[in-house]
Protein backbone atom coordinates (compact mmCIF):
# COMPACT_ATOMS: atom_id res chain seq x y z
CA MET A 1 0.00 0.00 0.00
CA LYS A 2 1.43 3.33 -1.07
CA TYR A 3 1.09 6.19 1.40
CA GLU A 4 -0.11 9.40 -0.22
CA HIS A 5 0.85 12.71 1.28
CA TRP A 6 -1.87 15.35 1.66
CA LEU A 7 0.04 17.61 -0.71
CA ASP A 8 -0.25 15.01 -3.49
CA ASP A 9 -3.88 16.05 -3.97
CA PRO A 10 -4.08 18.98 -6.43
CA LEU A 11 -7.17 20.28 -4.61
CA ASN A 12 -5.15 20.76 -1.41
CA VAL A 13 -2.38 22.53 -3.31
CA ARG A 14 -4.94 24.86 -4.89
CA LYS A 15 -6.37 25.62 -1.44
CA LEU A 16 -2.89 26.45 -0.14
CA TRP A 17 -2.20 28.82 -3.05
CA ARG A 18 -5.50 30.61 -2.48
CA GLY A 19 -4.80 30.87 1.23
CA PHE A 20 -1.32 32.29 0.62
CA LEU A 21 -2.69 34.85 -1.84
CA VAL A 22 -5.36 35.93 0.64
CA VAL A 23 -2.76 36.39 3.38
CA LEU A 24 -0.51 38.38 1.01
CA ALA A 25 -3.41 40.59 -0.08
CA LEU A 26 -4.40 41.22 3.54
CA THR A 27 -0.82 42.14 4.36
CA VAL A 28 -0.72 44.72 1.56
CA ILE A 29 -4.17 46.08 2.52
CA ALA A 30 -3.01 46.43 6.13
CA GLY A 31 -0.63 49.12 4.87
CA PHE A 32 -3.62 51.48 4.73
CA PHE A 33 -4.28 51.10 8.44
CA VAL A 34 -0.78 50.94 9.92
CA ASP A 35 1.56 53.90 10.37
CA LEU A 36 4.88 52.53 9.14
CA HIS A 37 7.19 55.43 10.20
CA PRO A 38 9.24 55.42 6.98
CA HIS A 39 12.85 56.57 7.09
CA PHE A 40 13.04 57.21 3.35
CA GLU A 41 10.45 58.63 0.95
CA ILE A 42 10.24 55.43 -1.10
CA GLU A 43 9.17 53.47 1.99
CA SER A 44 5.96 55.53 2.17
CA TRP A 45 4.79 54.31 -1.27
CA PHE A 46 1.83 51.94 -1.18
CA GLY A 47 2.94 48.31 -1.49
CA PHE A 48 6.65 49.16 -1.30
CA TYR A 49 7.50 46.33 1.08
CA ALA A 50 5.57 43.79 -1.02
CA VAL A 51 7.41 44.83 -4.17
CA TYR A 52 10.74 45.01 -2.34
CA GLY A 53 10.26 41.52 -0.91
CA PHE A 54 9.27 40.11 -4.29
CA ILE A 55 12.26 41.64 -6.09
CA THR A 56 14.63 40.53 -3.31
CA CYS A 57 13.32 36.96 -3.48
CA LEU A 58 13.64 36.98 -7.26
CA LEU A 59 17.25 38.19 -7.04
CA MET A 60 18.08 35.49 -4.47
CA ILE A 61 16.71 32.80 -6.80
CA VAL A 62 18.64 34.15 -9.79
CA GLY A 63 21.79 34.42 -7.65
CA ALA A 64 21.41 30.85 -6.42
CA LYS A 65 20.98 29.59 -9.99
CA ALA A 66 24.10 31.50 -11.08
CA LEU A 67 26.09 30.18 -8.12
CA GLY A 68 24.94 26.66 -9.00
CA LEU A 69 26.58 27.01 -12.41
CA PHE A 70 29.96 27.55 -10.73
CA LEU A 71 29.60 24.89 -8.05
CA LYS A 72 28.04 22.14 -10.17
CA LYS A 73 30.00 18.91 -10.48
CA PRO A 74 29.55 16.39 -13.29
CA ASP A 75 27.36 13.36 -12.63
CA SER A 76 30.40 11.08 -12.73
CA TYR A 77 32.39 13.16 -10.21
CA TYR A 78 32.33 10.59 -7.40
CA ALA A 79 32.68 7.64 -9.76
CA GLN A 80 36.09 8.99 -10.81
CA ASP A 81 37.36 8.64 -7.23
CA GLU A 82 36.30 4.98 -7.13
CA ARG A 83 38.11 4.27 -10.40
CA ASP A 84 41.32 5.90 -9.16
CA GLU A 85 41.60 3.53 -6.17
């Protein structure tokens, strides 16, 4: 008997995505009701922190992909050590 994880069901994944989007929207909407005490003018723009977080996350992903190109080893990397012995 194969055990199925609750995330294997596409309906559960869709519910999670919708829940995440609702939480993100509520976070951006909360900006109307919270005094953020910005230090710089750009911080007072509506949705600045949402955009900043998105761009930062995007740059981290691109940076990790670029770093992976330098650190990647060939699939036979460890097999070469076994052949040398």
